[in-house]
Amino acid sequence: MTASPSKLEQLRDLSVVVADTGDAEAIARLKPVDCTTNPTLVRKALDLPIYADLVERELERAKDLDGDVDSIARQVVDRLTVGVGRKLAGLVPGRVSTEVDADLSFDTEATIAKARQFIEMYQDAGVSRERVLIKIAATWEGIRAAKELQREDIDCNLTLIFNRTQAIACAEAGVFLISPFVGRILDWHVARGETPATIDEDPGVRFVRDVYTEFKRRGSPTVVMGASFRSTAQIEALAGCDRLTISPDLLEKLAAEHGELPRKLAPGKNDDGAFAPPVDAERYARDLADDPMATEKLRDGIAAFAKDLDALRATIAQRLQAR
């Protein structure tokens, strides 16, 4: 008797599955379409045997770089980021999301420059721009940067999406993909004693469903990728979303579970009805200010990303000084 397909196998038929990890072994085992890298994952990679040669090579090459220790550490971090991304690109058929420095989140021009630098470094490493997504925090400045980068055929992943206006502004800017954060939205509400009674009342799930429906109503090509999951129940509640980026532990749980996994999201007909005027800086600022959850989570998310980047740079600086 043939075993029934796992929920992960069924999910692959409904949504593009992305691995939220830089663990090459997990990616090779779980076979996602896309994957991601960021300072936290690169820092973990420093101690993984699969990246040992890359780390040693970049630390050795640092001897030929100019500047003080901190400046050289920044350059090495960029090289390691692309090196890890290149390794991951060899393991997946799709894209590798690569995060622009979080401390540039409120600087449009600096974000554009960093994104261009990463794309050039990838291309020099033999990875075409079509295999890379540049990940940018969805501040107003980040969205403006992404709009320009998209004009240059540099596809962007706008992250830390917590608010409908944020999402719509990204779609209007023509970004390739957005990442609404399901789990962090739930966390905020649970911390205030607002625990949902059912998965359909989960505020993170409801938010992604709303954004997905709105984008399909508009006929927007911007991809909706649910992110930051706390449970397989949240993932199952969004089956059919364009993409879902999932941690290895939750992917493993889905691979071990069987039973029917019904589609929860499906594109409807485009609606040619009236839309609100395009989002401008004033509306973006006003709507975020009126949404304490989104304001807090966007701020804290950027701060956490920046802290992780600082920690990675500090680790590299220590290794450079120890050589």
Protein backbone atom coordinates (compact mmCIF):
# COMPACT_ATOMS: atom_id res chain seq x y z
CA MET A 1 0.00 0.00 0.00
CA THR A 2 1.41 3.36 -1.05
CA ALA A 3 1.93 5.78 1.82
CA SER A 4 -0.07 8.99 1.65
CA PRO A 5 1.93 12.10 0.77
CA SER A 6 3.27 14.15 3.63
CA LYS A 7 1.87 17.59 4.32
CA LEU A 8 5.14 19.06 3.05
CA GLU A 9 4.71 17.24 -0.25
CA GLN A 10 1.14 18.50 -0.51
CA LEU A 11 2.23 22.03 0.40
CA ARG A 12 4.75 22.04 -2.45
CA ASP A 13 1.83 21.57 -4.86
CA LEU A 14 0.06 24.63 -3.46
CA SER A 15 2.83 27.13 -2.62
CA VAL A 16 6.49 27.68 -3.44
CA VAL A 17 8.38 26.44 -0.37
CA VAL A 18 11.36 28.52 0.75
CA ALA A 19 13.85 27.53 3.45
CA ASP A 20 14.43 30.18 6.09
CA THR A 21 17.96 29.03 6.78
CA GLY A 22 21.54 29.09 5.56
CA ASP A 23 22.15 25.52 6.77
CA ALA A 24 23.39 23.84 3.60
CA GLU A 25 22.77 20.34 4.95
CA ALA A 26 19.15 21.15 5.82
CA ILE A 27 18.61 22.71 2.41
CA ALA A 28 20.07 19.70 0.62
CA ARG A 29 17.83 17.41 2.68
CA LEU A 30 14.58 19.38 2.50
CA LYS A 31 14.93 20.62 -1.10
CA PRO A 32 13.23 24.04 -0.98
CA VAL A 33 12.94 26.14 -4.12
CA ASP A 34 14.48 29.28 -2.59
CA CYS A 35 16.50 30.07 0.53
CA THR A 36 17.88 33.04 2.41
CA THR A 37 21.01 34.38 4.05
CA ASN A 38 21.44 37.11 6.63
CA PRO A 39 24.01 38.12 9.28
CA THR A 40 22.64 35.67 11.85
CA LEU A 41 22.89 32.78 9.42
CA VAL A 42 26.33 33.86 8.18
CA ARG A 43 27.57 34.04 11.78
CA LYS A 44 26.37 30.47 12.35
CA ALA A 45 28.08 29.46 9.10
CA LEU A 46 31.45 30.49 10.53
CA ASP A 47 31.50 27.31 12.63
CA LEU A 48 30.02 24.90 10.09
CA PRO A 49 32.50 22.52 8.40
CA ILE A 50 30.88 23.04 4.99
CA TYR A 51 31.90 26.71 5.04
CA ALA A 52 35.36 26.21 6.61
CA ASP A 53 37.29 26.69 3.36
CA LEU A 54 35.29 29.83 2.48
CA VAL A 55 35.90 31.38 5.90
CA GLU A 56 39.61 30.59 5.86
CA ARG A 57 40.00 31.94 2.33
CA GLU A 58 38.27 35.24 3.12
CA LEU A 59 40.18 35.73 6.36
CA GLU A 60 43.42 35.12 4.50
CA ARG A 61 42.45 37.50 1.70
CA ALA A 62 41.81 40.17 4.30
CA LYS A 63 45.58 40.64 4.57
CA ASP A 64 45.47 42.40 1.19
CA LEU A 65 42.67 44.80 2.15
CA ASP A 66 43.24 48.41 3.15
CA GLY A 67 41.80 50.14 6.19
CA ASP A 68 41.53 49.65 9.93
CA VAL A 69 40.27 46.44 11.49
CA ASP A 70 36.64 47.53 11.55
CA SER A 71 36.72 48.60 7.89
CA ILE A 72 38.35 45.36 6.82
CA ALA A 73 35.87 43.34 8.91
CA ARG A 74 33.01 45.01 7.06
CA GLN A 75 34.54 44.03 3.72
CA VAL A 76 35.09 40.45 4.86
CA VAL A 77 31.50 40.22 6.09
CA ASP A 78 30.26 41.29 2.65
CA ARG A 79 32.46 38.69 0.98
CA LEU A 80 31.30 35.97 3.35
CA THR A 81 27.68 36.95 2.80
CA VAL A 82 28.05 36.52 -0.95
CA GLY A 83 30.18 33.41 -0.50
CA VAL A 84 27.50 31.74 1.61
CA GLY A 85 24.86 32.91 -0.86
CA ARG A 86 26.83 31.43 -3.75
CA LYS A 87 27.01 28.10 -1.94
CA LEU A 88 23.28 28.14 -1.30
CA ALA A 89 22.54 29.10 -4.91
CA GLY A 90 24.16 25.82 -5.90
CA LEU A 91 21.71 23.91 -3.73
CA VAL A 92 18.39 25.43 -4.80
CA PRO A 93 16.85 25.92 -8.24
CA GLY A 94 15.46 29.33 -7.35
CA ARG A 95 16.62 32.44 -5.52
CA VAL A 96 18.81 33.39 -2.59
CA SER A 97 17.59 36.37 -0.56
CA THR A 98 20.49 38.52 0.65
CA GLU A 99 19.95 41.20 3.26
CA VAL A 100 21.13 44.79 2.81
CA ASP A 101 22.74 46.21 5.95
CA ALA A 102 19.96 46.96 8.43
CA ASP A 103 21.75 50.12 9.57
CA LEU A 104 20.99 51.55 6.11
CA SER A 105 17.22 51.03 6.46
CA PHE A 106 16.45 54.77 6.55
CA ASP A 107 18.91 55.78 3.80
CA THR A 108 17.55 55.32 0.29
CA GLU A 109 20.73 56.10 -1.64
CA ALA A 110 22.97 54.00 0.60
CA THR A 111 20.57 51.06 0.29
CA ILE A 112 20.63 51.34 -3.50
CA ALA A 113 24.43 51.47 -3.51
CA LYS A 114 24.75 48.43 -1.25
CA ALA A 115 22.28 46.43 -3.33
CA ARG A 116 24.20 47.24 -6.52
CA GLN A 117 27.43 46.20 -4.78
CA PHE A 118 25.98 42.84 -3.74
CA ILE A 119 24.65 42.17 -7.25
CA GLU A 120 28.07 42.97 -8.74
CA MET A 121 29.79 40.71 -6.22
CA TYR A 122 27.38 37.87 -7.00
CA GLN A 123 27.90 38.30 -10.72
CA ASP A 124 31.69 38.25 -10.22
CA ALA A 125 31.18 34.99 -8.29
CA GLY A 126 29.23 33.49 -11.20
CA VAL A 127 25.72 33.98 -9.80
CA SER A 128 23.43 35.99 -12.08
CA ARG A 129 21.15 38.70 -10.72
CA GLU A 130 18.15 36.56 -11.65
CA ARG A 131 19.17 34.15 -8.89
CA VAL A 132 19.31 36.82 -6.17
CA LEU A 133 16.70 38.75 -4.19
CA ILE A 134 17.90 41.83 -2.36
CA LYS A 135 16.22 41.92 1.05
CA ILE A 136 15.34 45.39 2.35
CA ALA A 137 13.35 46.50 5.39
CA ALA A 138 10.04 48.04 4.31
CA THR A 139 10.62 51.53 5.65
CA TRP A 140 9.48 54.34 3.37
CA GLU A 141 13.13 54.88 2.42
CA GLY A 142 13.58 51.17 1.76
CA ILE A 143 10.51 51.06 -0.47
CA ARG A 144 11.83 54.05 -2.47
CA ALA A 145 15.16 52.27 -2.87
CA ALA A 146 13.45 49.10 -4.04
CA LYS A 147 11.44 51.02 -6.63
CA GLU A 148 14.67 52.29 -8.20
CA LEU A 149 16.38 48.91 -7.98
CA GLN A 150 13.45 47.20 -9.69
CA ARG A 151 13.85 49.65 -12.59
CA GLU A 152 17.40 48.31 -12.88
CA ASP A 153 16.13 44.70 -12.95
CA ILE A 154 17.38 44.05 -9.43
CA ASP A 155 14.58 42.10 -7.78
CA CYS A 156 13.82 42.94 -4.16
CA ASN A 157 12.33 41.19 -1.15
CA LEU A 158 10.74 43.79 1.14
CA THR A 159 10.78 42.40 4.65
CA LEU A 160 9.32 43.26 8.06
CA ILE A 161 5.83 43.79 6.63
CA PHE A 162 3.26 44.29 9.41
CA ASN A 163 0.81 46.83 7.99
CA ARG A 164 -1.57 46.92 5.01
CA THR A 165 -0.35 50.33 3.83
CA GLN A 166 3.22 49.06 3.98
CA ALA A 167 2.27 46.13 1.77
CA ILE A 168 0.31 48.22 -0.73
CA ALA A 169 3.17 50.74 -1.00
CA CYS A 170 5.48 47.87 -1.90
CA ALA A 171 3.11 46.60 -4.58
CA GLU A 172 2.77 50.10 -6.02
CA ALA A 173 6.56 50.38 -6.12
CA GLY A 174 6.67 47.22 -8.23
CA VAL A 175 8.77 45.16 -5.82
CA PHE A 176 9.22 41.53 -6.70
CA LEU A 177 8.25 40.09 -3.31
CA ILE A 178 7.09 41.03 0.18
CA SER A 179 7.50 39.08 3.42
CA PRO A 180 4.66 39.67 5.90
CA PHE A 181 5.65 38.33 9.33
CA VAL A 182 2.94 36.03 10.65
CA GLY A 183 4.51 34.95 13.93
CA ARG A 184 5.73 38.33 15.09
CA ILE A 185 2.25 39.78 14.64
CA LEU A 186 0.82 36.97 16.75
CA ASP A 187 3.56 37.47 19.37
CA TRP A 188 2.60 41.13 19.82
CA HIS A 189 -1.06 40.31 20.42
CA VAL A 190 -0.38 37.33 22.70
CA ALA A 191 1.92 39.51 24.83
CA ARG A 192 -1.11 41.72 25.44
CA GLY A 193 -3.36 38.84 26.44
CA GLU A 194 -5.02 38.60 23.02
CA THR A 195 -4.58 34.90 22.29
CA PRO A 196 -6.74 33.80 19.32
CA ALA A 197 -9.24 31.02 19.98
CA THR A 198 -8.78 29.45 16.54
CA ILE A 199 -6.19 29.55 13.77
CA ASP A 200 -8.62 31.51 11.60
CA GLU A 201 -8.59 34.25 14.24
CA ASP A 202 -4.79 34.37 14.37
CA PRO A 203 -3.99 38.03 13.56
CA GLY A 204 -0.87 37.11 11.58
CA VAL A 205 -2.78 34.60 9.46
CA ARG A 206 -5.61 37.08 8.92
CA PHE A 207 -3.15 39.78 7.87
CA VAL A 208 -1.47 37.63 5.22
CA ARG A 209 -4.82 36.46 3.90
CA ASP A 210 -5.98 40.07 3.61
CA VAL A 211 -2.81 41.20 1.80
CA TYR A 212 -2.92 38.20 -0.55
CA THR A 213 -6.57 38.88 -1.42
CA GLU A 214 -5.92 42.59 -1.98
CA PHE A 215 -2.94 41.95 -4.25
CA LYS A 216 -4.91 39.47 -6.36
CA ARG A 217 -7.85 41.89 -6.51
CA ARG A 218 -5.48 44.53 -7.86
CA GLY A 219 -3.83 42.16 -10.30
CA SER A 220 -0.50 42.96 -8.67
CA PRO A 221 2.40 40.72 -9.73
CA THR A 222 4.17 41.28 -6.40
CA VAL A 223 4.70 37.91 -4.71
CA VAL A 224 3.31 37.42 -1.18
CA MET A 225 5.60 35.23 0.91
CA GLY A 226 4.37 34.43 4.40
CA ALA A 227 7.24 34.41 6.90
CA SER A 228 8.05 34.10 10.61
CA PHE A 229 5.94 31.08 11.49
CA ARG A 230 5.41 29.81 15.01
CA SER A 231 3.57 26.59 14.17
CA THR A 232 2.65 24.24 11.35
CA ALA A 233 -0.97 25.29 11.95
CA GLN A 234 -0.13 28.82 10.74
CA ILE A 235 1.54 27.39 7.65
CA GLU A 236 -1.37 25.11 6.87
CA ALA A 237 -3.76 28.05 7.30
CA LEU A 238 -1.92 29.84 4.47
CA ALA A 239 -1.56 26.91 2.08
CA GLY A 240 -1.85 28.33 -1.41
CA CYS A 241 -0.09 31.61 -0.61
CA ASP A 242 2.40 32.44 -3.38
CA ARG A 243 5.40 31.48 -1.26
CA LEU A 244 6.02 30.42 2.31
CA THR A 245 9.44 30.71 3.95
CA ILE A 246 9.75 28.11 6.67
CA SER A 247 12.40 27.17 9.23
CA PRO A 248 13.97 23.70 8.99
CA ASP A 249 12.31 22.46 12.19
CA LEU A 250 8.83 23.28 10.88
CA LEU A 251 9.70 21.82 7.47
CA GLU A 252 10.72 18.61 9.25
CA LYS A 253 7.41 18.53 11.14
CA LEU A 254 5.43 18.99 7.93
CA ALA A 255 7.47 16.23 6.29
CA ALA A 256 6.56 13.90 9.16
CA GLU A 257 2.85 14.71 9.18
CA HIS A 258 0.23 13.11 6.93
CA GLY A 259 -3.42 13.73 6.31
CA GLU A 260 -5.16 16.06 3.93
CA LEU A 261 -3.79 19.58 3.48
CA PRO A 262 -6.52 21.69 1.83
CA ARG A 263 -5.84 24.87 -0.12
CA LYS A 264 -6.72 27.96 1.94
CA LEU A 265 -5.75 30.74 -0.49
CA ALA A 266 -6.46 30.97 -4.20
CA PRO A 267 -6.31 33.95 -6.57
CA GLY A 268 -9.69 35.42 -7.41
CA LYS A 269 -10.66 37.63 -10.31
CA ASN A 270 -9.00 40.98 -10.81
CA ASP A 271 -11.24 43.82 -9.71
CA ASP A 272 -11.26 46.90 -11.94
CA GLY A 273 -13.07 48.91 -9.30
CA ALA A 274 -11.77 52.07 -7.72
CA PHE A 275 -8.68 52.02 -5.56
CA ALA A 276 -7.48 54.54 -3.01
CA PRO A 277 -4.92 57.08 -4.27
CA PRO A 278 -1.34 55.74 -4.35
CA VAL A 279 0.46 55.62 -1.03
CA ASP A 280 2.70 58.63 -0.49
CA ALA A 281 5.16 59.42 2.30
CA GLU A 282 2.53 61.26 4.34
CA ARG A 283 0.00 58.43 4.21
CA TYR A 284 2.67 55.85 4.93
CA ALA A 285 3.85 57.74 8.01
CA ARG A 286 0.30 58.41 9.22
CA ASP A 287 -0.91 54.83 8.82
CA LEU A 288 2.17 53.40 10.52
CA ALA A 289 1.81 55.92 13.37
CA ASP A 290 -1.80 54.78 13.82
CA ASP A 291 -0.68 51.13 14.06
CA PRO A 292 1.33 50.59 17.28
CA MET A 293 1.94 46.93 16.49
CA ALA A 294 3.46 47.67 13.08
CA THR A 295 5.45 50.63 14.38
CA GLU A 296 6.92 48.61 17.23
CA LYS A 297 7.63 45.48 15.24
CA LEU A 298 9.22 47.34 12.32
CA ARG A 299 11.45 49.30 14.71
CA ASP A 300 12.40 46.26 16.75
CA GLY A 301 12.97 44.13 13.66
CA ILE A 302 15.41 46.62 12.17
CA ALA A 303 17.17 46.95 15.52
CA ALA A 304 17.50 43.16 15.81
CA PHE A 305 18.85 42.85 12.27
CA ALA A 306 21.35 45.67 12.95
CA LYS A 307 22.43 44.02 16.21
CA ASP A 308 23.04 40.72 14.40
CA LEU A 309 25.10 42.52 11.76
CA ASP A 310 27.17 44.29 14.43
CA ALA A 311 27.77 40.96 16.17
CA LEU A 312 28.93 39.36 12.92
CA ARG A 313 31.31 42.24 12.19
CA ALA A 314 32.67 42.05 15.74
CA THR A 315 33.25 38.31 15.43
CA ILE A 316 35.15 38.78 12.18
CA ALA A 317 37.20 41.63 13.66
CA GLN A 318 38.18 39.38 16.58
CA ARG A 319 39.24 36.59 14.22
CA LEU A 320 41.28 39.02 12.15
CA GLN A 321 43.07 40.34 15.23
CA ALA A 322 43.76 36.80 16.43
CA ARG A 323 45.58 35.80 13.24
